[in-house]
Amino acid sequence: MSNIENYSKVFKSALNLDNSKFSEEIKYNEVDEWDSIGHMTLISALEEEYKITFETDDIIDFSSFKKGIEILKKYKVEII
C-alpha cells in the first residue's frame, strides 16, 4: 500500500467515511463526520499510525486532506 493510500485509509476510518463522502478535496466541517470530535479522532489516529505528536497549532491548522499532507511533512512523514 502506498503512503497516500495508507493516509486515505486512516482518514476514512477515523472519520467513518465511505468512498461516496471521501475525496482528496475534503475539508473540515464539509461533511457531518468531520466535526470537532471527528477532528480529534482523526488527529489521534494519525498520531498513532505515524508515531508522532502534533503541536497544537498543527491540530488547529489541519483543515483539509491536502493541508494534512503539508503538516505531516513537518514530522518527516512523506505522503506521495
PDB file of N, CA and C in Angstrom:
ATOM      1  N   MET A   1       0.852  -1.186   0.000  1.00  0.00           N
ATOM      2  CA  MET A   1       0.000   0.000   0.000  1.00  0.00           C
ATOM      3  C   MET A   1       0.894   1.245   0.000  1.00  0.00           C
ATOM      4  N   SER A   2       0.588   2.190  -0.870  1.00  0.00           N
ATOM      5  CA  SER A   2       1.379   3.419  -0.950  1.00  0.00           C
ATOM      6  C   SER A   2       1.069   4.325   0.243  1.00  0.00           C
ATOM      7  N   ASN A   3       1.908   5.320   0.439  1.00  0.00           N
ATOM      8  CA  ASN A   3       1.704   6.266   1.541  1.00  0.00           C
ATOM      9  C   ASN A   3       0.368   6.990   1.423  1.00  0.00           C
ATOM     10  N   ILE A   4       0.019   7.412   0.208  1.00  0.00           N
ATOM     11  CA  ILE A   4      -1.235   8.151   0.016  1.00  0.00           C
ATOM     12  C   ILE A   4      -2.437   7.242   0.268  1.00  0.00           C
ATOM     13  N   GLU A   5      -2.327   5.978  -0.122  1.00  0.00           N
ATOM     14  CA  GLU A   5      -3.417   5.029   0.136  1.00  0.00           C
ATOM     15  C   GLU A   5      -3.573   4.790   1.633  1.00  0.00           C
ATOM     16  N   ASN A   6      -2.455   4.671   2.332  1.00  0.00           N
ATOM     17  CA  ASN A   6      -2.499   4.461   3.778  1.00  0.00           C
ATOM     18  C   ASN A   6      -3.087   5.686   4.484  1.00  0.00           C
ATOM     19  N   TYR A   7      -2.635   6.862   4.085  1.00  0.00           N
ATOM     20  CA  TYR A   7      -3.160   8.111   4.659  1.00  0.00           C
ATOM     21  C   TYR A   7      -4.667   8.207   4.424  1.00  0.00           C
ATOM     22  N   SER A   8      -5.104   7.908   3.220  1.00  0.00           N
ATOM     23  CA  SER A   8      -6.539   7.939   2.895  1.00  0.00           C
ATOM     24  C   SER A   8      -7.308   6.942   3.745  1.00  0.00           C
ATOM     25  N   LYS A   9      -6.738   5.757   3.934  1.00  0.00           N
ATOM     26  CA  LYS A   9      -7.391   4.713   4.729  1.00  0.00           C
ATOM     27  C   LYS A   9      -7.572   5.171   6.186  1.00  0.00           C
ATOM     28  N   VAL A  10      -6.521   5.738   6.760  1.00  0.00           N
ATOM     29  CA  VAL A  10      -6.600   6.237   8.142  1.00  0.00           C
ATOM     30  C   VAL A  10      -7.638   7.353   8.224  1.00  0.00           C
ATOM     31  N   PHE A  11      -7.629   8.231   7.258  1.00  0.00           N
ATOM     32  CA  PHE A  11      -8.563   9.352   7.196  1.00  0.00           C
ATOM     33  C   PHE A  11     -10.010   8.856   7.185  1.00  0.00           C
ATOM     34  N   LYS A  12     -10.297   7.940   6.245  1.00  0.00           N
ATOM     35  CA  LYS A  12     -11.664   7.412   6.103  1.00  0.00           C
ATOM     36  C   LYS A  12     -12.091   6.624   7.335  1.00  0.00           C
ATOM     37  N   SER A  13     -11.193   5.845   7.873  1.00  0.00           N
ATOM     38  CA  SER A  13     -11.505   5.030   9.038  1.00  0.00           C
ATOM     39  C   SER A  13     -11.789   5.904  10.268  1.00  0.00           C
ATOM     40  N   ALA A  14     -10.926   6.882  10.517  1.00  0.00           N
ATOM     41  CA  ALA A  14     -11.086   7.747  11.691  1.00  0.00           C
ATOM     42  C   ALA A  14     -12.389   8.537  11.636  1.00  0.00           C
ATOM     43  N   LEU A  15     -12.757   8.982  10.447  1.00  0.00           N
ATOM     44  CA  LEU A  15     -13.972   9.782  10.294  1.00  0.00           C
ATOM     45  C   LEU A  15     -15.191   8.939   9.916  1.00  0.00           C
ATOM     46  N   ASN A  16     -14.969   7.635   9.772  1.00  0.00           N
ATOM     47  CA  ASN A  16     -16.053   6.723   9.408  1.00  0.00           C
ATOM     48  C   ASN A  16     -16.734   7.163   8.109  1.00  0.00           C
ATOM     49  N   LEU A  17     -15.914   7.437   7.109  1.00  0.00           N
ATOM     50  CA  LEU A  17     -16.408   7.887   5.806  1.00  0.00           C
ATOM     51  C   LEU A  17     -16.374   6.743   4.800  1.00  0.00           C
ATOM     52  N   ASP A  18     -17.413   6.643   3.997  1.00  0.00           N
ATOM     53  CA  ASP A  18     -17.354   5.693   2.894  1.00  0.00           C
ATOM     54  C   ASP A  18     -16.830   6.443   1.661  1.00  0.00           C
ATOM     55  N   ASN A  19     -16.588   5.699   0.605  1.00  0.00           N
ATOM     56  CA  ASN A  19     -15.986   6.303  -0.586  1.00  0.00           C
ATOM     57  C   ASN A  19     -16.845   7.397  -1.207  1.00  0.00           C
ATOM     58  N   SER A  20     -18.146   7.343  -1.009  1.00  0.00           N
ATOM     59  CA  SER A  20     -19.020   8.364  -1.609  1.00  0.00           C
ATOM     60  C   SER A  20     -18.871   9.726  -0.926  1.00  0.00           C
ATOM     61  N   LYS A  21     -18.430   9.745   0.332  1.00  0.00           N
ATOM     62  CA  LYS A  21     -18.269  11.013   1.053  1.00  0.00           C
ATOM     63  C   LYS A  21     -16.825  11.498   1.070  1.00  0.00           C
ATOM     64  N   PHE A  22     -15.909  10.649   0.620  1.00  0.00           N
ATOM     65  CA  PHE A  22     -14.487  10.987   0.696  1.00  0.00           C
ATOM     66  C   PHE A  22     -13.937  11.432  -0.658  1.00  0.00           C
ATOM     67  N   SER A  23     -13.118  12.467  -0.628  1.00  0.00           N
ATOM     68  CA  SER A  23     -12.297  12.842  -1.781  1.00  0.00           C
ATOM     69  C   SER A  23     -11.075  13.568  -1.243  1.00  0.00           C
ATOM     70  N   GLU A  24     -10.074  13.718  -2.061  1.00  0.00           N
ATOM     71  CA  GLU A  24      -8.864  14.426  -1.637  1.00  0.00           C
ATOM     72  C   GLU A  24      -9.114  15.919  -1.490  1.00  0.00           C
ATOM     73  N   GLU A  25     -10.306  16.361  -1.845  1.00  0.00           N
ATOM     74  CA  GLU A  25     -10.677  17.775  -1.708  1.00  0.00           C
ATOM     75  C   GLU A  25     -11.447  18.047  -0.408  1.00  0.00           C
ATOM     76  N   ILE A  26     -11.641  17.022   0.413  1.00  0.00           N
ATOM     77  CA  ILE A  26     -12.454  17.159   1.620  1.00  0.00           C
ATOM     78  C   ILE A  26     -11.844  18.180   2.582  1.00  0.00           C
ATOM     79  N   LYS A  27     -12.730  18.950   3.208  1.00  0.00           N
ATOM     80  CA  LYS A  27     -12.310  19.974   4.162  1.00  0.00           C
ATOM     81  C   LYS A  27     -13.106  19.839   5.454  1.00  0.00           C
ATOM     82  N   TYR A  28     -12.507  20.336   6.524  1.00  0.00           N
ATOM     83  CA  TYR A  28     -13.133  20.310   7.844  1.00  0.00           C
ATOM     84  C   TYR A  28     -14.539  20.921   7.788  1.00  0.00           C
ATOM     85  N   ASN A  29     -15.483  20.263   8.407  1.00  0.00           N
ATOM     86  CA  ASN A  29     -16.889  20.674   8.516  1.00  0.00           C
ATOM     87  C   ASN A  29     -17.667  20.614   7.201  1.00  0.00           C
ATOM     88  N   GLU A  30     -17.096  20.049   6.138  1.00  0.00           N
ATOM     89  CA  GLU A  30     -17.839  19.886   4.890  1.00  0.00           C
ATOM     90  C   GLU A  30     -18.742  18.661   4.930  1.00  0.00           C
ATOM     91  N   VAL A  31     -18.395  17.710   5.776  1.00  0.00           N
ATOM     92  CA  VAL A  31     -19.243  16.538   5.993  1.00  0.00           C
ATOM     93  C   VAL A  31     -19.524  16.451   7.491  1.00  0.00           C
ATOM     94  N   ASP A  32     -20.678  15.926   7.833  1.00  0.00           N
ATOM     95  CA  ASP A  32     -21.076  15.849   9.246  1.00  0.00           C
ATOM     96  C   ASP A  32     -20.063  15.105  10.107  1.00  0.00           C
ATOM     97  N   GLU A  33     -19.427  14.087   9.522  1.00  0.00           N
ATOM     98  CA  GLU A  33     -18.494  13.259  10.295  1.00  0.00           C
ATOM     99  C   GLU A  33     -17.231  14.013  10.714  1.00  0.00           C
ATOM    100  N   TRP A  34     -16.870  15.064   9.977  1.00  0.00           N
ATOM    101  CA  TRP A  34     -15.659  15.809  10.327  1.00  0.00           C
ATOM    102  C   TRP A  34     -16.044  17.072  11.087  1.00  0.00           C
ATOM    103  N   ASP A  35     -16.526  16.835  12.299  1.00  0.00           N
ATOM    104  CA  ASP A  35     -16.822  17.932  13.226  1.00  0.00           C
ATOM    105  C   ASP A  35     -15.676  17.989  14.234  1.00  0.00           C
ATOM    106  N   SER A  36     -15.860  18.701  15.334  1.00  0.00           N
ATOM    107  CA  SER A  36     -14.756  18.849  16.289  1.00  0.00           C
ATOM    108  C   SER A  36     -14.358  17.518  16.922  1.00  0.00           C
ATOM    109  N   ILE A  37     -15.313  16.666  17.197  1.00  0.00           N
ATOM    110  CA  ILE A  37     -14.989  15.362  17.787  1.00  0.00           C
ATOM    111  C   ILE A  37     -14.322  14.474  16.736  1.00  0.00           C
ATOM    112  N   GLY A  38     -14.857  14.481  15.530  1.00  0.00           N
ATOM    113  CA  GLY A  38     -14.234  13.736  14.446  1.00  0.00           C
ATOM    114  C   GLY A  38     -12.813  14.211  14.185  1.00  0.00           C
ATOM    115  N   HIS A  39     -12.605  15.510  14.327  1.00  0.00           N
ATOM    116  CA  HIS A  39     -11.275  16.084  14.108  1.00  0.00           C
ATOM    117  C   HIS A  39     -10.269  15.499  15.101  1.00  0.00           C
ATOM    118  N   MET A  40     -10.645  15.448  16.362  1.00  0.00           N
ATOM    119  CA  MET A  40      -9.724  14.925  17.371  1.00  0.00           C
ATOM    120  C   MET A  40      -9.509  13.418  17.190  1.00  0.00           C
ATOM    121  N   THR A  41     -10.537  12.716  16.733  1.00  0.00           N
ATOM    122  CA  THR A  41     -10.395  11.288  16.435  1.00  0.00           C
ATOM    123  C   THR A  41      -9.405  11.091  15.293  1.00  0.00           C
ATOM    124  N   LEU A  42      -9.512  11.930  14.272  1.00  0.00           N
ATOM    125  CA  LEU A  42      -8.597  11.878  13.130  1.00  0.00           C
ATOM    126  C   LEU A  42      -7.164  12.168  13.572  1.00  0.00           C
ATOM    127  N   ILE A  43      -6.990  13.214  14.341  1.00  0.00           N
ATOM    128  CA  ILE A  43      -5.649  13.590  14.816  1.00  0.00           C
ATOM    129  C   ILE A  43      -5.039  12.441  15.614  1.00  0.00           C
ATOM    130  N   SER A  44      -5.816  11.867  16.504  1.00  0.00           N
ATOM    131  CA  SER A  44      -5.340  10.752  17.322  1.00  0.00           C
ATOM    132  C   SER A  44      -4.952   9.559  16.461  1.00  0.00           C
ATOM    133  N   ALA A  45      -5.772   9.240  15.464  1.00  0.00           N
ATOM    134  CA  ALA A  45      -5.483   8.112  14.575  1.00  0.00           C
ATOM    135  C   ALA A  45      -4.197   8.348  13.782  1.00  0.00           C
ATOM    136  N   LEU A  46      -4.003   9.573  13.314  1.00  0.00           N
ATOM    137  CA  LEU A  46      -2.780   9.890  12.559  1.00  0.00           C
ATOM    138  C   LEU A  46      -1.546   9.844  13.462  1.00  0.00           C
ATOM    139  N   GLU A  47      -1.677  10.340  14.685  1.00  0.00           N
ATOM    140  CA  GLU A  47      -0.553  10.283  15.621  1.00  0.00           C
ATOM    141  C   GLU A  47      -0.170   8.833  15.907  1.00  0.00           C
ATOM    142  N   GLU A  48      -1.171   7.993  16.081  1.00  0.00           N
ATOM    143  CA  GLU A  48      -0.905   6.585  16.350  1.00  0.00           C
ATOM    144  C   GLU A  48      -0.287   5.890  15.136  1.00  0.00           C
ATOM    145  N   GLU A  49      -0.835   6.141  13.965  1.00  0.00           N
ATOM    146  CA  GLU A  49      -0.349   5.495  12.739  1.00  0.00           C
ATOM    147  C   GLU A  49       1.092   5.871  12.433  1.00  0.00           C
ATOM    148  N   TYR A  50       1.424   7.154  12.589  1.00  0.00           N
ATOM    149  CA  TYR A  50       2.742   7.638  12.186  1.00  0.00           C
ATOM    150  C   TYR A  50       3.701   7.859  13.361  1.00  0.00           C
ATOM    151  N   LYS A  51       3.264   7.482  14.557  1.00  0.00           N
ATOM    152  CA  LYS A  51       4.115   7.578  15.759  1.00  0.00           C
ATOM    153  C   LYS A  51       4.676   8.989  15.940  1.00  0.00           C
ATOM    154  N   ILE A  52       3.764   9.971  15.883  1.00  0.00           N
ATOM    155  CA  ILE A  52       4.135  11.378  16.043  1.00  0.00           C
ATOM    156  C   ILE A  52       3.196  12.017  17.066  1.00  0.00           C
ATOM    157  N   THR A  53       3.528  13.227  17.480  1.00  0.00           N
ATOM    158  CA  THR A  53       2.653  14.025  18.327  1.00  0.00           C
ATOM    159  C   THR A  53       2.541  15.402  17.689  1.00  0.00           C
ATOM    160  N   PHE A  54       1.333  15.754  17.287  1.00  0.00           N
ATOM    161  CA  PHE A  54       1.106  17.051  16.658  1.00  0.00           C
ATOM    162  C   PHE A  54       1.207  18.177  17.675  1.00  0.00           C
ATOM    163  N   GLU A  55       1.764  19.293  17.240  1.00  0.00           N
ATOM    164  CA  GLU A  55       1.738  20.516  18.044  1.00  0.00           C
ATOM    165  C   GLU A  55       0.332  21.105  17.946  1.00  0.00           C
ATOM    166  N   THR A  56      -0.062  21.855  18.946  1.00  0.00           N
ATOM    167  CA  THR A  56      -1.412  22.433  18.994  1.00  0.00           C
ATOM    168  C   THR A  56      -1.723  23.246  17.740  1.00  0.00           C
ATOM    169  N   ASP A  57      -0.782  24.069  17.293  1.00  0.00           N
ATOM    170  CA  ASP A  57      -1.016  24.890  16.095  1.00  0.00           C
ATOM    171  C   ASP A  57      -1.297  24.030  14.869  1.00  0.00           C
ATOM    172  N   ASP A  58      -0.629  22.889  14.779  1.00  0.00           N
ATOM    173  CA  ASP A  58      -0.847  21.998  13.641  1.00  0.00           C
ATOM    174  C   ASP A  58      -2.219  21.338  13.707  1.00  0.00           C
ATOM    175  N   ILE A  59      -2.682  21.019  14.897  1.00  0.00           N
ATOM    176  CA  ILE A  59      -4.022  20.445  15.061  1.00  0.00           C
ATOM    177  C   ILE A  59      -5.066  21.450  14.588  1.00  0.00           C
ATOM    178  N   ILE A  60      -4.874  22.694  14.954  1.00  0.00           N
ATOM    179  CA  ILE A  60      -5.811  23.755  14.560  1.00  0.00           C
ATOM    180  C   ILE A  60      -5.739  24.008  13.055  1.00  0.00           C
ATOM    181  N   ASP A  61      -4.544  23.981  12.491  1.00  0.00           N
ATOM    182  CA  ASP A  61      -4.355  24.260  11.060  1.00  0.00           C
ATOM    183  C   ASP A  61      -4.772  23.111  10.145  1.00  0.00           C
ATOM    184  N   PHE A  62      -4.964  21.926  10.704  1.00  0.00           N
ATOM    185  CA  PHE A  62      -5.299  20.735   9.920  1.00  0.00           C
ATOM    186  C   PHE A  62      -6.745  20.865   9.440  1.00  0.00           C
ATOM    187  N   SER A  63      -6.929  21.567   8.324  1.00  0.00           N
ATOM    188  CA  SER A  63      -8.272  21.949   7.885  1.00  0.00           C
ATOM    189  C   SER A  63      -8.753  21.219   6.634  1.00  0.00           C
ATOM    190  N   SER A  64      -7.899  20.399   6.059  1.00  0.00           N
ATOM    191  CA  SER A  64      -8.296  19.659   4.864  1.00  0.00           C
ATOM    192  C   SER A  64      -7.371  18.459   4.681  1.00  0.00           C
ATOM    193  N   PHE A  65      -7.790  17.563   3.818  1.00  0.00           N
ATOM    194  CA  PHE A  65      -6.968  16.394   3.483  1.00  0.00           C
ATOM    195  C   PHE A  65      -5.602  16.852   2.976  1.00  0.00           C
ATOM    196  N   LYS A  66      -5.600  17.812   2.070  1.00  0.00           N
ATOM    197  CA  LYS A  66      -4.345  18.295   1.471  1.00  0.00           C
ATOM    198  C   LYS A  66      -3.481  19.049   2.477  1.00  0.00           C
ATOM    199  N   LYS A  67      -4.106  19.844   3.336  1.00  0.00           N
ATOM    200  CA  LYS A  67      -3.351  20.568   4.368  1.00  0.00           C
ATOM    201  C   LYS A  67      -2.686  19.566   5.309  1.00  0.00           C
ATOM    202  N   GLY A  68      -3.365  18.459   5.561  1.00  0.00           N
ATOM    203  CA  GLY A  68      -2.800  17.413   6.410  1.00  0.00           C
ATOM    204  C   GLY A  68      -1.508  16.858   5.842  1.00  0.00           C
ATOM    205  N   ILE A  69      -1.448  16.714   4.531  1.00  0.00           N
ATOM    206  CA  ILE A  69      -0.230  16.224   3.884  1.00  0.00           C
ATOM    207  C   ILE A  69       0.917  17.205   4.122  1.00  0.00           C
ATOM    208  N   GLU A  70       0.629  18.500   3.991  1.00  0.00           N
ATOM    209  CA  GLU A  70       1.648  19.537   4.245  1.00  0.00           C
ATOM    210  C   GLU A  70       2.136  19.477   5.690  1.00  0.00           C
ATOM    211  N   ILE A  71       1.194  19.359   6.618  1.00  0.00           N
ATOM    212  CA  ILE A  71       1.554  19.332   8.045  1.00  0.00           C
ATOM    213  C   ILE A  71       2.377  18.090   8.375  1.00  0.00           C
ATOM    214  N   LEU A  72       1.993  16.950   7.822  1.00  0.00           N
ATOM    215  CA  LEU A  72       2.735  15.719   8.108  1.00  0.00           C
ATOM    216  C   LEU A  72       4.186  15.811   7.646  1.00  0.00           C
ATOM    217  N   LYS A  73       4.465  16.590   6.612  1.00  0.00           N
ATOM    218  CA  LYS A  73       5.841  16.761   6.145  1.00  0.00           C
ATOM    219  C   LYS A  73       6.733  17.334   7.242  1.00  0.00           C
ATOM    220  N   LYS A  74       6.169  18.202   8.091  1.00  0.00           N
ATOM    221  CA  LYS A  74       6.930  18.768   9.207  1.00  0.00           C
ATOM    222  C   LYS A  74       7.432  17.687  10.154  1.00  0.00           C
ATOM    223  N   TYR A  75       6.709  16.562  10.181  1.00  0.00           N
ATOM    224  CA  TYR A  75       7.028  15.469  11.077  1.00  0.00           C
ATOM    225  C   TYR A  75       7.746  14.328  10.351  1.00  0.00           C
ATOM    226  N   LYS A  76       8.300  14.661   9.183  1.00  0.00           N
ATOM    227  CA  LYS A  76       9.070  13.713   8.371  1.00  0.00           C
ATOM    228  C   LYS A  76       8.217  12.543   7.858  1.00  0.00           C
ATOM    229  N   VAL A  77       6.930  12.811   7.638  1.00  0.00           N
ATOM    230  CA  VAL A  77       6.035  11.825   7.048  1.00  0.00           C
ATOM    231  C   VAL A  77       5.726  12.296   5.637  1.00  0.00           C
ATOM    232  N   GLU A  78       6.252  11.586   4.643  1.00  0.00           N
ATOM    233  CA  GLU A  78       6.055  11.946   3.252  1.00  0.00           C
ATOM    234  C   GLU A  78       4.869  11.187   2.683  1.00  0.00           C
ATOM    235  N   ILE A  79       3.868  11.907   2.230  1.00  0.00           N
ATOM    236  CA  ILE A  79       2.683  11.316   1.609  1.00  0.00           C
ATOM    237  C   ILE A  79       2.752  11.624   0.119  1.00  0.00           C
ATOM    238  N   ILE A  80       2.985  10.583  -0.691  1.00  0.00           N
ATOM    239  CA  ILE A  80       3.049  10.766  -2.147  1.00  0.00           C
ATOM    240  C   ILE A  80       2.184   9.738  -2.841  1.00  0.00           C
TER     241      ILE A  80
END
